[in-house]
């Protein structure tokens, strides 16, 4: 398994040093390594190591560029980079807005070290990592808000939307493959990609999203 290359964008030296210690002494040392540190967004985007970075741990309150501005620019210019927010704010509107931007995790600075380690492990496995300080109800509401769903839907390719429409209509993998003239394995790959982008494998939720965007009636 390849080591995940991580960047830290945080204006406090002590916090950056704390992350360095965690990544070097915890079980993360076999999973990830810090290859980039920056004290603000301007410094981050000037780094020649940003292109090789796979995950950015990002503060919200920073000079020159705040975390929202950095996250938005990262998603436009470096869409493959995953983003883990590390903030002092237990704010559901911040959480909703950042989920809409496509971030992969949101932790609080008051969370224990194990939460940080677990969040990185979750992101490596392709899952979203949200601080346990947010109630499950709040997290679910943010994940299912209309603008968040719309943003995720926009990430689907034309073919993925075709497959989603047929899945929502109750067609089997074999039926979809026959209809589109592709292999069943390709259909399964499309379904995996759809579930990953929309962050759900539940048929009822996929059907609801398809209906919301008029793929099925």
N, C-alpha and C. Protein backbone atom coordinates (compact mmCIF):
# COMPACT_ATOMS: atom_id res chain seq x y z
N UNK A 1 0.83 -1.20 0.00
CA UNK A 1 0.00 0.00 0.00
C UNK A 1 0.87 1.25 0.00
N UNK A 2 0.55 2.20 -0.88
CA UNK A 2 1.33 3.43 -0.96
C UNK A 2 1.04 4.34 0.22
N UNK A 3 2.06 5.09 0.62
CA UNK A 3 1.91 6.04 1.72
C UNK A 3 1.20 7.28 1.23
N UNK A 4 0.16 7.71 1.95
CA UNK A 4 -0.59 8.91 1.59
C UNK A 4 0.26 10.14 1.87
N UNK A 5 0.36 11.03 0.90
CA UNK A 5 1.15 12.25 1.05
C UNK A 5 0.24 13.39 1.53
N UNK A 6 0.60 13.96 2.67
CA UNK A 6 -0.27 14.90 3.38
C UNK A 6 0.36 16.29 3.47
N UNK A 7 -0.49 17.33 3.34
CA UNK A 7 -0.06 18.70 3.55
C UNK A 7 -0.82 19.31 4.72
N UNK A 8 -0.18 20.18 5.46
CA UNK A 8 -0.81 20.87 6.59
C UNK A 8 -0.86 22.36 6.28
N UNK A 9 -2.03 22.96 6.31
CA UNK A 9 -2.17 24.40 6.11
C UNK A 9 -2.81 24.98 7.37
N UNK A 10 -1.98 25.55 8.21
CA UNK A 10 -2.38 25.98 9.56
C UNK A 10 -1.42 27.07 10.01
N UNK A 11 -1.95 28.16 10.59
CA UNK A 11 -1.08 29.30 10.90
C UNK A 11 -0.36 29.19 12.24
N UNK A 12 -0.70 28.21 13.08
CA UNK A 12 -0.02 28.08 14.37
C UNK A 12 1.09 27.03 14.30
N UNK A 13 2.31 27.46 14.64
CA UNK A 13 3.46 26.55 14.62
C UNK A 13 3.23 25.34 15.51
N UNK A 14 2.65 25.58 16.69
CA UNK A 14 2.44 24.50 17.65
C UNK A 14 1.52 23.43 17.09
N UNK A 15 0.48 23.85 16.39
CA UNK A 15 -0.45 22.88 15.79
C UNK A 15 0.23 22.08 14.69
N UNK A 16 1.01 22.75 13.87
CA UNK A 16 1.74 22.04 12.81
C UNK A 16 2.72 21.03 13.42
N UNK A 17 3.39 21.43 14.50
CA UNK A 17 4.32 20.52 15.18
C UNK A 17 3.58 19.34 15.78
N UNK A 18 2.37 19.60 16.30
CA UNK A 18 1.56 18.53 16.87
C UNK A 18 1.17 17.50 15.83
N UNK A 19 0.80 17.96 14.66
CA UNK A 19 0.47 17.03 13.58
C UNK A 19 1.70 16.21 13.19
N UNK A 20 2.84 16.86 13.10
CA UNK A 20 4.07 16.16 12.74
C UNK A 20 4.34 15.02 13.73
N UNK A 21 4.12 15.29 14.99
CA UNK A 21 4.34 14.27 16.03
C UNK A 21 3.36 13.12 15.87
N UNK A 22 2.11 13.44 15.62
CA UNK A 22 1.09 12.40 15.46
C UNK A 22 1.43 11.49 14.28
N UNK A 23 1.80 12.10 13.16
CA UNK A 23 2.08 11.31 11.96
C UNK A 23 3.36 10.48 12.10
N UNK A 24 4.26 10.90 12.95
CA UNK A 24 5.53 10.18 13.10
C UNK A 24 5.51 9.12 14.19
N UNK A 25 4.57 9.23 15.15
CA UNK A 25 4.61 8.32 16.30
C UNK A 25 3.39 7.42 16.44
N UNK A 26 2.31 7.72 15.76
CA UNK A 26 1.10 6.90 15.86
C UNK A 26 1.10 5.85 14.76
N UNK A 27 0.03 5.08 14.66
CA UNK A 27 -0.08 4.07 13.61
C UNK A 27 -0.17 4.68 12.21
N UNK A 28 -0.34 6.01 12.14
CA UNK A 28 -0.36 6.68 10.84
C UNK A 28 1.01 6.63 10.16
N UNK A 29 2.06 6.39 10.92
CA UNK A 29 3.41 6.42 10.34
C UNK A 29 3.57 5.39 9.23
N UNK A 30 2.74 4.36 9.24
CA UNK A 30 2.79 3.34 8.19
C UNK A 30 1.78 3.59 7.08
N UNK A 31 0.98 4.66 7.24
CA UNK A 31 -0.08 4.94 6.28
C UNK A 31 0.08 6.27 5.56
N UNK A 32 0.69 7.25 6.23
CA UNK A 32 0.75 8.60 5.67
C UNK A 32 1.99 9.34 6.16
N UNK A 33 2.38 10.35 5.39
CA UNK A 33 3.51 11.18 5.81
C UNK A 33 3.26 12.62 5.37
N UNK A 34 3.74 13.56 6.16
CA UNK A 34 3.60 14.97 5.84
C UNK A 34 4.71 15.38 4.87
N UNK A 35 4.31 15.90 3.72
CA UNK A 35 5.28 16.31 2.70
C UNK A 35 5.26 17.82 2.48
N UNK A 36 4.28 18.51 3.11
CA UNK A 36 4.12 19.94 2.88
C UNK A 36 3.51 20.59 4.11
N UNK A 37 4.06 21.71 4.53
CA UNK A 37 3.45 22.52 5.58
C UNK A 37 3.40 23.96 5.11
N UNK A 38 2.32 24.65 5.45
CA UNK A 38 2.15 26.05 5.06
C UNK A 38 1.41 26.78 6.17
N UNK A 39 1.75 28.03 6.39
CA UNK A 39 1.12 28.80 7.46
C UNK A 39 -0.10 29.57 6.98
N UNK A 40 -0.34 29.57 5.67
CA UNK A 40 -1.52 30.24 5.12
C UNK A 40 -1.76 29.76 3.70
N UNK A 41 -2.90 30.15 3.13
CA UNK A 41 -3.25 29.69 1.80
C UNK A 41 -2.31 30.16 0.71
N UNK A 42 -1.86 31.42 0.81
CA UNK A 42 -0.95 31.95 -0.20
C UNK A 42 0.34 31.13 -0.25
N UNK A 43 0.84 30.77 0.92
CA UNK A 43 2.05 29.96 1.00
C UNK A 43 1.80 28.56 0.45
N UNK A 44 0.62 28.02 0.72
CA UNK A 44 0.27 26.69 0.23
C UNK A 44 0.32 26.63 -1.29
N UNK A 45 -0.31 27.61 -1.94
CA UNK A 45 -0.39 27.57 -3.40
C UNK A 45 0.92 27.92 -4.09
N UNK A 46 1.87 28.46 -3.35
CA UNK A 46 3.19 28.73 -3.90
C UNK A 46 4.11 27.51 -3.81
N UNK A 47 3.72 26.53 -3.01
CA UNK A 47 4.57 25.37 -2.79
C UNK A 47 4.68 24.50 -4.03
N UNK A 48 5.91 24.09 -4.35
CA UNK A 48 6.10 23.19 -5.50
C UNK A 48 5.79 21.74 -5.15
N UNK A 49 5.37 21.50 -3.91
CA UNK A 49 5.02 20.14 -3.50
C UNK A 49 3.51 19.90 -3.49
N UNK A 50 2.76 20.93 -3.83
CA UNK A 50 1.30 20.79 -3.80
C UNK A 50 0.83 19.76 -4.82
N UNK A 51 1.49 19.70 -5.97
CA UNK A 51 1.09 18.75 -7.01
C UNK A 51 1.20 17.30 -6.57
N UNK A 52 2.08 17.01 -5.63
CA UNK A 52 2.26 15.63 -5.18
C UNK A 52 1.48 15.31 -3.92
N UNK A 53 0.77 16.30 -3.39
CA UNK A 53 0.02 16.12 -2.15
C UNK A 53 -1.35 15.52 -2.43
N UNK A 54 -1.78 14.58 -1.57
CA UNK A 54 -3.04 13.88 -1.78
C UNK A 54 -4.12 14.26 -0.77
N UNK A 55 -3.69 14.78 0.37
CA UNK A 55 -4.63 15.22 1.41
C UNK A 55 -4.10 16.50 2.04
N UNK A 56 -4.99 17.50 2.17
CA UNK A 56 -4.64 18.74 2.87
C UNK A 56 -5.45 18.82 4.16
N UNK A 57 -4.77 18.98 5.29
CA UNK A 57 -5.44 19.25 6.56
C UNK A 57 -5.47 20.78 6.70
N UNK A 58 -6.66 21.34 6.76
CA UNK A 58 -6.84 22.77 6.54
C UNK A 58 -7.58 23.47 7.68
N UNK A 59 -6.97 24.53 8.20
CA UNK A 59 -7.63 25.37 9.19
C UNK A 59 -8.60 26.32 8.47
N UNK A 60 -9.58 26.85 9.21
CA UNK A 60 -10.52 27.80 8.61
C UNK A 60 -10.05 29.23 8.79
N UNK A 61 -9.68 29.59 10.01
CA UNK A 61 -9.27 30.97 10.29
C UNK A 61 -7.77 31.13 10.10
N UNK A 62 -7.39 31.77 9.00
CA UNK A 62 -5.99 32.03 8.69
C UNK A 62 -5.87 33.39 8.03
N UNK A 63 -4.70 34.01 8.10
CA UNK A 63 -4.49 35.28 7.42
C UNK A 63 -4.38 35.09 5.91
N UNK A 64 -4.63 36.15 5.16
CA UNK A 64 -4.48 36.23 3.70
C UNK A 64 -5.58 35.47 2.94
N UNK A 65 -5.77 34.21 3.25
CA UNK A 65 -6.86 33.42 2.66
C UNK A 65 -7.45 32.56 3.76
N UNK A 66 -8.78 32.61 3.93
CA UNK A 66 -9.36 31.74 4.95
C UNK A 66 -9.58 30.34 4.38
N UNK A 67 -9.98 29.41 5.24
CA UNK A 67 -10.14 28.03 4.82
C UNK A 67 -11.17 27.82 3.73
N UNK A 68 -12.22 28.62 3.74
CA UNK A 68 -13.24 28.50 2.70
C UNK A 68 -12.64 28.84 1.34
N UNK A 69 -11.87 29.92 1.28
CA UNK A 69 -11.26 30.33 0.02
C UNK A 69 -10.24 29.31 -0.46
N UNK A 70 -9.47 28.77 0.47
CA UNK A 70 -8.48 27.76 0.11
C UNK A 70 -9.17 26.50 -0.41
N UNK A 71 -10.21 26.04 0.30
CA UNK A 71 -10.93 24.83 -0.11
C UNK A 71 -11.56 25.00 -1.49
N UNK A 72 -12.15 26.16 -1.73
CA UNK A 72 -12.79 26.40 -3.02
C UNK A 72 -11.75 26.38 -4.15
N UNK A 73 -10.62 27.00 -3.91
CA UNK A 73 -9.58 27.02 -4.96
C UNK A 73 -8.98 25.63 -5.16
N UNK A 74 -8.77 24.89 -4.08
CA UNK A 74 -8.25 23.53 -4.21
C UNK A 74 -9.18 22.68 -5.05
N UNK A 75 -10.48 22.79 -4.81
CA UNK A 75 -11.44 21.97 -5.55
C UNK A 75 -11.46 22.33 -7.03
N UNK A 76 -11.18 23.57 -7.35
CA UNK A 76 -11.17 23.99 -8.76
C UNK A 76 -9.87 23.59 -9.46
N UNK A 77 -8.73 23.82 -8.77
CA UNK A 77 -7.44 23.64 -9.41
C UNK A 77 -6.80 22.28 -9.13
N UNK A 78 -7.15 21.66 -8.01
CA UNK A 78 -6.58 20.37 -7.64
C UNK A 78 -7.70 19.45 -7.14
N UNK A 79 -8.64 19.11 -8.01
CA UNK A 79 -9.83 18.35 -7.56
C UNK A 79 -9.53 16.98 -6.97
N UNK A 80 -8.37 16.42 -7.27
CA UNK A 80 -8.05 15.08 -6.75
C UNK A 80 -7.58 15.14 -5.30
N UNK A 81 -7.18 16.32 -4.82
CA UNK A 81 -6.70 16.44 -3.44
C UNK A 81 -7.87 16.37 -2.47
N UNK A 82 -7.76 15.53 -1.47
CA UNK A 82 -8.79 15.44 -0.44
C UNK A 82 -8.53 16.51 0.62
N UNK A 83 -9.60 16.95 1.28
CA UNK A 83 -9.50 18.04 2.25
C UNK A 83 -10.11 17.62 3.58
N UNK A 84 -9.31 17.74 4.64
CA UNK A 84 -9.79 17.51 6.00
C UNK A 84 -9.72 18.84 6.75
N UNK A 85 -10.87 19.40 7.10
CA UNK A 85 -10.93 20.66 7.84
C UNK A 85 -10.60 20.40 9.31
N UNK A 86 -9.77 21.27 9.88
CA UNK A 86 -9.40 21.18 11.30
C UNK A 86 -9.69 22.53 11.91
N UNK A 87 -10.82 22.64 12.62
CA UNK A 87 -11.33 23.95 13.03
C UNK A 87 -11.72 23.98 14.50
N UNK A 88 -11.78 25.17 15.04
CA UNK A 88 -12.27 25.35 16.41
C UNK A 88 -13.78 25.56 16.45
N UNK A 89 -14.42 25.64 15.29
CA UNK A 89 -15.83 26.02 15.21
C UNK A 89 -16.78 24.81 15.11
N UNK A 90 -17.61 24.63 16.12
CA UNK A 90 -18.68 23.64 16.06
C UNK A 90 -19.89 24.35 15.46
N UNK A 91 -19.87 24.48 14.15
CA UNK A 91 -20.83 25.32 13.44
C UNK A 91 -21.45 24.53 12.29
N UNK A 92 -22.74 24.24 12.40
CA UNK A 92 -23.36 23.38 11.38
C UNK A 92 -23.44 24.06 10.02
N UNK A 93 -23.50 25.40 9.99
CA UNK A 93 -23.52 26.09 8.70
C UNK A 93 -22.15 25.99 8.03
N UNK A 94 -21.09 26.08 8.82
CA UNK A 94 -19.76 25.86 8.27
C UNK A 94 -19.67 24.45 7.69
N UNK A 95 -20.17 23.48 8.47
CA UNK A 95 -20.12 22.08 8.04
C UNK A 95 -20.89 21.90 6.74
N UNK A 96 -22.10 22.44 6.68
CA UNK A 96 -22.93 22.29 5.47
C UNK A 96 -22.25 22.93 4.26
N UNK A 97 -21.75 24.14 4.44
CA UNK A 97 -21.11 24.86 3.34
C UNK A 97 -19.88 24.12 2.83
N UNK A 98 -19.08 23.58 3.74
CA UNK A 98 -17.86 22.88 3.34
C UNK A 98 -18.16 21.53 2.72
N UNK A 99 -19.18 20.84 3.22
CA UNK A 99 -19.60 19.58 2.58
C UNK A 99 -20.05 19.87 1.16
N UNK A 100 -20.77 20.97 0.98
CA UNK A 100 -21.21 21.37 -0.35
C UNK A 100 -20.02 21.61 -1.28
N UNK A 101 -18.94 22.14 -0.73
CA UNK A 101 -17.73 22.37 -1.52
C UNK A 101 -17.04 21.06 -1.91
N UNK A 102 -17.35 20.00 -1.17
CA UNK A 102 -16.75 18.71 -1.49
C UNK A 102 -15.64 18.26 -0.57
N UNK A 103 -15.59 18.83 0.65
CA UNK A 103 -14.55 18.41 1.58
C UNK A 103 -14.78 16.96 2.02
N UNK A 104 -13.73 16.35 2.54
CA UNK A 104 -13.79 14.93 2.91
C UNK A 104 -13.85 14.69 4.40
N UNK A 105 -13.68 15.74 5.19
CA UNK A 105 -13.75 15.59 6.63
C UNK A 105 -13.74 16.91 7.35
N UNK A 106 -14.27 16.92 8.57
CA UNK A 106 -14.33 18.13 9.38
C UNK A 106 -14.12 17.72 10.83
N UNK A 107 -12.98 18.11 11.40
CA UNK A 107 -12.68 17.82 12.80
C UNK A 107 -12.58 19.11 13.59
N UNK A 108 -12.75 18.99 14.90
CA UNK A 108 -12.58 20.13 15.80
C UNK A 108 -11.22 20.04 16.49
N UNK A 109 -10.66 21.19 16.81
CA UNK A 109 -9.37 21.22 17.49
C UNK A 109 -9.48 20.68 18.91
N UNK A 110 -10.70 20.57 19.40
CA UNK A 110 -10.91 19.99 20.73
C UNK A 110 -11.06 18.47 20.68
N UNK A 111 -11.12 17.88 19.48
CA UNK A 111 -11.25 16.43 19.36
C UNK A 111 -9.97 15.74 19.83
N UNK A 112 -10.08 14.53 20.38
CA UNK A 112 -8.87 13.81 20.84
C UNK A 112 -8.00 13.36 19.68
N UNK A 113 -6.78 13.03 19.99
CA UNK A 113 -5.83 12.59 18.96
C UNK A 113 -6.36 11.40 18.17
N UNK A 114 -7.04 10.49 18.85
CA UNK A 114 -7.55 9.29 18.17
C UNK A 114 -8.54 9.66 17.07
N UNK A 115 -9.29 10.75 17.27
CA UNK A 115 -10.23 11.20 16.24
C UNK A 115 -9.48 11.63 14.99
N UNK A 116 -8.34 12.29 15.16
CA UNK A 116 -7.53 12.71 14.02
C UNK A 116 -7.00 11.50 13.27
N UNK A 117 -6.46 10.55 14.03
CA UNK A 117 -5.93 9.32 13.41
C UNK A 117 -7.04 8.59 12.67
N UNK A 118 -8.19 8.44 13.33
CA UNK A 118 -9.31 7.73 12.71
C UNK A 118 -9.82 8.44 11.47
N UNK A 119 -9.82 9.78 11.49
CA UNK A 119 -10.30 10.55 10.34
C UNK A 119 -9.41 10.32 9.13
N UNK A 120 -8.11 10.34 9.34
CA UNK A 120 -7.18 10.09 8.22
C UNK A 120 -7.38 8.67 7.68
N UNK A 121 -7.55 7.72 8.56
CA UNK A 121 -7.79 6.34 8.13
C UNK A 121 -9.09 6.24 7.34
N UNK A 122 -10.14 6.92 7.80
CA UNK A 122 -11.41 6.91 7.08
C UNK A 122 -11.26 7.49 5.68
N UNK A 123 -10.55 8.60 5.58
CA UNK A 123 -10.38 9.25 4.29
C UNK A 123 -9.56 8.38 3.34
N UNK A 124 -8.55 7.70 3.87
CA UNK A 124 -7.76 6.77 3.05
C UNK A 124 -8.66 5.69 2.46
N UNK A 125 -9.66 5.26 3.25
CA UNK A 125 -10.58 4.20 2.81
C UNK A 125 -11.71 4.74 1.94
N UNK A 126 -11.71 6.06 1.69
CA UNK A 126 -12.72 6.64 0.82
C UNK A 126 -13.98 7.09 1.52
N UNK A 127 -13.93 7.17 2.84
CA UNK A 127 -15.10 7.59 3.61
C UNK A 127 -14.98 9.04 4.08
N UNK A 128 -16.11 9.63 4.41
CA UNK A 128 -16.09 10.97 4.98
C UNK A 128 -15.88 10.87 6.48
N UNK A 129 -15.14 11.82 7.05
CA UNK A 129 -14.84 11.81 8.49
C UNK A 129 -15.35 13.09 9.13
N UNK A 130 -16.37 12.97 9.96
CA UNK A 130 -16.96 14.14 10.63
C UNK A 130 -16.77 14.02 12.13
N UNK A 131 -16.40 15.11 12.78
CA UNK A 131 -16.17 15.12 14.22
C UNK A 131 -17.35 14.53 14.99
N UNK A 132 -17.08 13.68 15.97
CA UNK A 132 -18.16 13.15 16.81
C UNK A 132 -18.83 14.22 17.65
N UNK A 133 -18.25 15.42 17.69
CA UNK A 133 -18.88 16.53 18.42
C UNK A 133 -20.17 17.00 17.74
N UNK A 134 -20.28 16.77 16.43
CA UNK A 134 -21.53 17.03 15.72
C UNK A 134 -22.46 15.84 15.95
N UNK A 135 -23.70 16.12 16.23
CA UNK A 135 -24.66 15.02 16.42
C UNK A 135 -24.89 14.31 15.09
N UNK A 136 -25.19 13.02 15.12
CA UNK A 136 -25.50 12.30 13.88
C UNK A 136 -26.64 12.98 13.09
N UNK A 137 -27.60 13.53 13.81
CA UNK A 137 -28.73 14.20 13.15
C UNK A 137 -28.26 15.43 12.38
N UNK A 138 -27.37 16.21 12.99
CA UNK A 138 -26.84 17.40 12.32
C UNK A 138 -26.03 17.01 11.09
N UNK A 139 -25.17 16.02 11.24
CA UNK A 139 -24.34 15.57 10.12
C UNK A 139 -25.20 15.07 8.97
N UNK A 140 -26.22 14.27 9.29
CA UNK A 140 -27.11 13.73 8.26
C UNK A 140 -27.85 14.85 7.55
N UNK A 141 -28.31 15.84 8.31
CA UNK A 141 -29.04 16.96 7.71
C UNK A 141 -28.15 17.75 6.75
N UNK A 142 -26.90 17.96 7.16
CA UNK A 142 -25.95 18.68 6.29
C UNK A 142 -25.66 17.88 5.03
N UNK A 143 -25.50 16.57 5.18
CA UNK A 143 -25.18 15.71 4.04
C UNK A 143 -26.32 15.66 3.03
N UNK A 144 -27.55 15.81 3.53
CA UNK A 144 -28.72 15.65 2.66
C UNK A 144 -29.37 16.97 2.26
N UNK A 145 -28.74 18.09 2.62
CA UNK A 145 -29.32 19.38 2.22
C UNK A 145 -29.30 19.49 0.69
N UNK A 146 -30.25 20.21 0.15
CA UNK A 146 -30.43 20.29 -1.30
C UNK A 146 -29.20 20.75 -2.05
N UNK A 147 -28.53 21.80 -1.56
CA UNK A 147 -27.37 22.31 -2.30
C UNK A 147 -26.21 21.33 -2.29
N UNK A 148 -26.08 20.56 -1.20
CA UNK A 148 -25.03 19.55 -1.14
C UNK A 148 -25.28 18.46 -2.17
N UNK A 149 -26.51 17.99 -2.23
CA UNK A 149 -26.88 16.94 -3.18
C UNK A 149 -26.69 17.43 -4.61
N UNK A 150 -27.11 18.67 -4.88
CA UNK A 150 -26.96 19.23 -6.23
C UNK A 150 -25.49 19.29 -6.63
N UNK A 151 -24.63 19.68 -5.71
CA UNK A 151 -23.20 19.79 -6.00
C UNK A 151 -22.63 18.41 -6.33
N UNK A 152 -23.03 17.41 -5.57
CA UNK A 152 -22.54 16.05 -5.83
C UNK A 152 -23.05 15.53 -7.17
N UNK A 153 -24.32 15.81 -7.45
CA UNK A 153 -24.92 15.34 -8.70
C UNK A 153 -24.18 15.91 -9.90
N UNK A 154 -23.74 17.15 -9.81
CA UNK A 154 -23.01 17.78 -10.90
C UNK A 154 -21.71 17.09 -11.21
N UNK A 155 -21.17 16.33 -10.26
CA UNK A 155 -19.91 15.62 -10.46
C UNK A 155 -20.09 14.35 -11.30
N UNK A 156 -21.32 13.90 -11.46
CA UNK A 156 -21.57 12.68 -12.24
C UNK A 156 -21.36 12.94 -13.72
N UNK A 157 -20.77 11.95 -14.41
CA UNK A 157 -20.63 12.04 -15.86
C UNK A 157 -21.99 11.74 -16.52
N UNK A 158 -22.07 12.00 -17.82
CA UNK A 158 -23.32 11.72 -18.55
C UNK A 158 -23.68 10.23 -18.44
N UNK A 159 -22.69 9.36 -18.59
CA UNK A 159 -22.96 7.92 -18.52
C UNK A 159 -23.39 7.51 -17.12
N UNK A 160 -22.77 8.11 -16.10
CA UNK A 160 -23.16 7.80 -14.73
C UNK A 160 -24.60 8.22 -14.45
N UNK A 161 -25.03 9.33 -15.03
CA UNK A 161 -26.43 9.76 -14.87
C UNK A 161 -27.37 8.77 -15.56
N UNK A 162 -26.95 8.24 -16.70
CA UNK A 162 -27.76 7.22 -17.38
C UNK A 162 -27.91 5.98 -16.50
N UNK A 163 -26.79 5.56 -15.93
CA UNK A 163 -26.82 4.37 -15.06
C UNK A 163 -27.65 4.64 -13.82
N UNK A 164 -27.50 5.82 -13.23
CA UNK A 164 -28.27 6.17 -12.04
C UNK A 164 -29.77 6.13 -12.34
N UNK A 165 -30.17 6.65 -13.48
CA UNK A 165 -31.59 6.64 -13.85
C UNK A 165 -32.12 5.22 -13.92
N UNK A 166 -31.33 4.31 -14.48
CA UNK A 166 -31.78 2.92 -14.62
C UNK A 166 -31.77 2.19 -13.29
N UNK A 167 -30.77 2.49 -12.45
CA UNK A 167 -30.75 1.90 -11.11
C UNK A 167 -31.98 2.35 -10.33
N UNK A 168 -32.30 3.64 -10.41
CA UNK A 168 -33.46 4.18 -9.71
C UNK A 168 -34.76 3.60 -10.23
N UNK A 169 -34.76 3.22 -11.50
CA UNK A 169 -35.96 2.62 -12.10
C UNK A 169 -36.09 1.14 -11.78
N UNK A 170 -35.10 0.60 -11.08
CA UNK A 170 -35.18 -0.80 -10.65
C UNK A 170 -34.55 -1.81 -11.59
N UNK A 171 -33.81 -1.34 -12.57
CA UNK A 171 -33.17 -2.26 -13.52
C UNK A 171 -31.98 -2.97 -12.86
N UNK A 172 -31.75 -4.19 -13.25
CA UNK A 172 -30.62 -4.96 -12.73
C UNK A 172 -29.34 -4.58 -13.48
N UNK A 173 -28.23 -5.02 -12.93
CA UNK A 173 -26.94 -4.77 -13.59
C UNK A 173 -26.92 -5.36 -14.99
N UNK A 174 -27.45 -6.57 -15.13
CA UNK A 174 -27.49 -7.22 -16.45
C UNK A 174 -28.36 -6.43 -17.42
N UNK A 175 -29.52 -5.93 -16.96
CA UNK A 175 -30.41 -5.14 -17.81
C UNK A 175 -29.72 -3.87 -18.30
N UNK A 176 -29.02 -3.20 -17.37
CA UNK A 176 -28.34 -1.95 -17.71
C UNK A 176 -27.23 -2.20 -18.72
N UNK A 177 -26.48 -3.27 -18.50
CA UNK A 177 -25.39 -3.61 -19.42
C UNK A 177 -25.93 -3.87 -20.82
N UNK A 178 -27.03 -4.61 -20.91
CA UNK A 178 -27.64 -4.92 -22.20
C UNK A 178 -28.18 -3.65 -22.88
N UNK A 179 -28.82 -2.80 -22.11
CA UNK A 179 -29.40 -1.57 -22.66
C UNK A 179 -28.33 -0.63 -23.19
N UNK A 180 -27.22 -0.50 -22.46
CA UNK A 180 -26.17 0.45 -22.85
C UNK A 180 -25.09 -0.16 -23.72
N UNK A 181 -25.14 -1.48 -23.91
CA UNK A 181 -24.14 -2.13 -24.75
C UNK A 181 -22.76 -2.16 -24.12
N UNK A 182 -22.71 -2.31 -22.80
CA UNK A 182 -21.44 -2.36 -22.08
C UNK A 182 -21.41 -3.62 -21.22
N UNK A 183 -20.27 -3.94 -20.65
CA UNK A 183 -20.16 -5.14 -19.83
C UNK A 183 -20.78 -4.91 -18.45
N UNK A 184 -21.14 -6.00 -17.80
CA UNK A 184 -21.68 -5.91 -16.44
C UNK A 184 -20.63 -5.36 -15.48
N UNK A 185 -19.37 -5.70 -15.72
CA UNK A 185 -18.31 -5.18 -14.87
C UNK A 185 -18.19 -3.66 -14.99
N UNK A 186 -18.37 -3.15 -16.19
CA UNK A 186 -18.35 -1.69 -16.40
C UNK A 186 -19.51 -1.04 -15.66
N UNK A 187 -20.68 -1.68 -15.70
CA UNK A 187 -21.83 -1.15 -14.97
C UNK A 187 -21.54 -1.11 -13.48
N UNK A 188 -20.95 -2.18 -12.97
CA UNK A 188 -20.61 -2.22 -11.54
C UNK A 188 -19.61 -1.11 -11.19
N UNK A 189 -18.68 -0.84 -12.08
CA UNK A 189 -17.72 0.25 -11.85
C UNK A 189 -18.44 1.60 -11.82
N UNK A 190 -19.38 1.78 -12.73
CA UNK A 190 -20.16 3.02 -12.75
C UNK A 190 -20.97 3.17 -11.47
N UNK A 191 -21.57 2.07 -11.02
CA UNK A 191 -22.38 2.13 -9.80
C UNK A 191 -21.51 2.45 -8.59
N UNK A 192 -20.31 1.89 -8.56
CA UNK A 192 -19.39 2.20 -7.46
C UNK A 192 -19.03 3.69 -7.48
N UNK A 193 -18.74 4.21 -8.67
CA UNK A 193 -18.38 5.63 -8.79
C UNK A 193 -19.55 6.52 -8.39
N UNK A 194 -20.75 6.16 -8.78
CA UNK A 194 -21.95 6.93 -8.43
C UNK A 194 -22.13 6.96 -6.92
N UNK A 195 -22.04 5.80 -6.29
CA UNK A 195 -22.20 5.72 -4.83
C UNK A 195 -21.13 6.52 -4.11
N UNK A 196 -19.91 6.48 -4.65
CA UNK A 196 -18.80 7.22 -4.04
C UNK A 196 -19.01 8.73 -4.15
N UNK A 197 -19.45 9.19 -5.32
CA UNK A 197 -19.66 10.63 -5.52
C UNK A 197 -20.87 11.13 -4.74
N UNK A 198 -21.94 10.34 -4.71
CA UNK A 198 -23.15 10.77 -4.01
C UNK A 198 -23.12 10.39 -2.53
N UNK A 199 -22.10 9.61 -2.15
CA UNK A 199 -21.87 9.19 -0.76
C UNK A 199 -23.06 8.41 -0.18
N UNK A 200 -23.63 7.55 -0.99
CA UNK A 200 -24.66 6.64 -0.50
C UNK A 200 -24.78 5.44 -1.41
N UNK A 201 -25.05 4.28 -0.81
CA UNK A 201 -25.31 3.07 -1.56
C UNK A 201 -26.77 2.65 -1.43
N UNK A 202 -27.53 3.42 -0.65
CA UNK A 202 -28.93 3.05 -0.39
C UNK A 202 -29.79 3.36 -1.61
N UNK A 203 -30.54 2.35 -2.05
CA UNK A 203 -31.35 2.48 -3.25
C UNK A 203 -32.38 3.60 -3.12
N UNK A 204 -33.01 3.70 -1.95
CA UNK A 204 -34.03 4.74 -1.78
C UNK A 204 -33.44 6.14 -1.89
N UNK A 205 -32.23 6.33 -1.38
CA UNK A 205 -31.59 7.64 -1.48
C UNK A 205 -31.17 7.93 -2.91
N UNK A 206 -30.66 6.91 -3.61
CA UNK A 206 -30.29 7.08 -5.01
C UNK A 206 -31.52 7.41 -5.86
N UNK A 207 -32.62 6.74 -5.56
CA UNK A 207 -33.86 7.00 -6.28
C UNK A 207 -34.35 8.42 -6.02
N UNK A 208 -34.26 8.85 -4.77
CA UNK A 208 -34.67 10.20 -4.42
C UNK A 208 -33.86 11.26 -5.16
N UNK A 209 -32.55 11.04 -5.26
CA UNK A 209 -31.68 11.98 -5.98
C UNK A 209 -32.03 12.00 -7.46
N UNK A 210 -32.27 10.80 -8.02
CA UNK A 210 -32.63 10.71 -9.44
C UNK A 210 -33.95 11.43 -9.71
N UNK A 211 -34.90 11.27 -8.80
CA UNK A 211 -36.20 11.94 -8.97
C UNK A 211 -36.06 13.45 -8.82
N UNK A 212 -35.21 13.87 -7.88
CA UNK A 212 -34.99 15.31 -7.66
C UNK A 212 -34.46 15.98 -8.92
N UNK A 213 -33.65 15.24 -9.67
CA UNK A 213 -33.05 15.80 -10.88
C UNK A 213 -33.75 15.30 -12.15
N UNK A 214 -34.96 14.79 -11.96
CA UNK A 214 -35.85 14.41 -13.06
C UNK A 214 -35.25 13.36 -14.01
N UNK A 215 -34.45 12.45 -13.44
CA UNK A 215 -33.96 11.35 -14.25
C UNK A 215 -35.02 10.26 -14.38
N UNK A 216 -35.90 10.19 -13.38
CA UNK A 216 -37.03 9.28 -13.42
C UNK A 216 -38.27 10.04 -12.98
N UNK A 217 -39.41 9.52 -13.32
CA UNK A 217 -40.66 10.18 -12.93
C UNK A 217 -41.45 9.27 -12.02
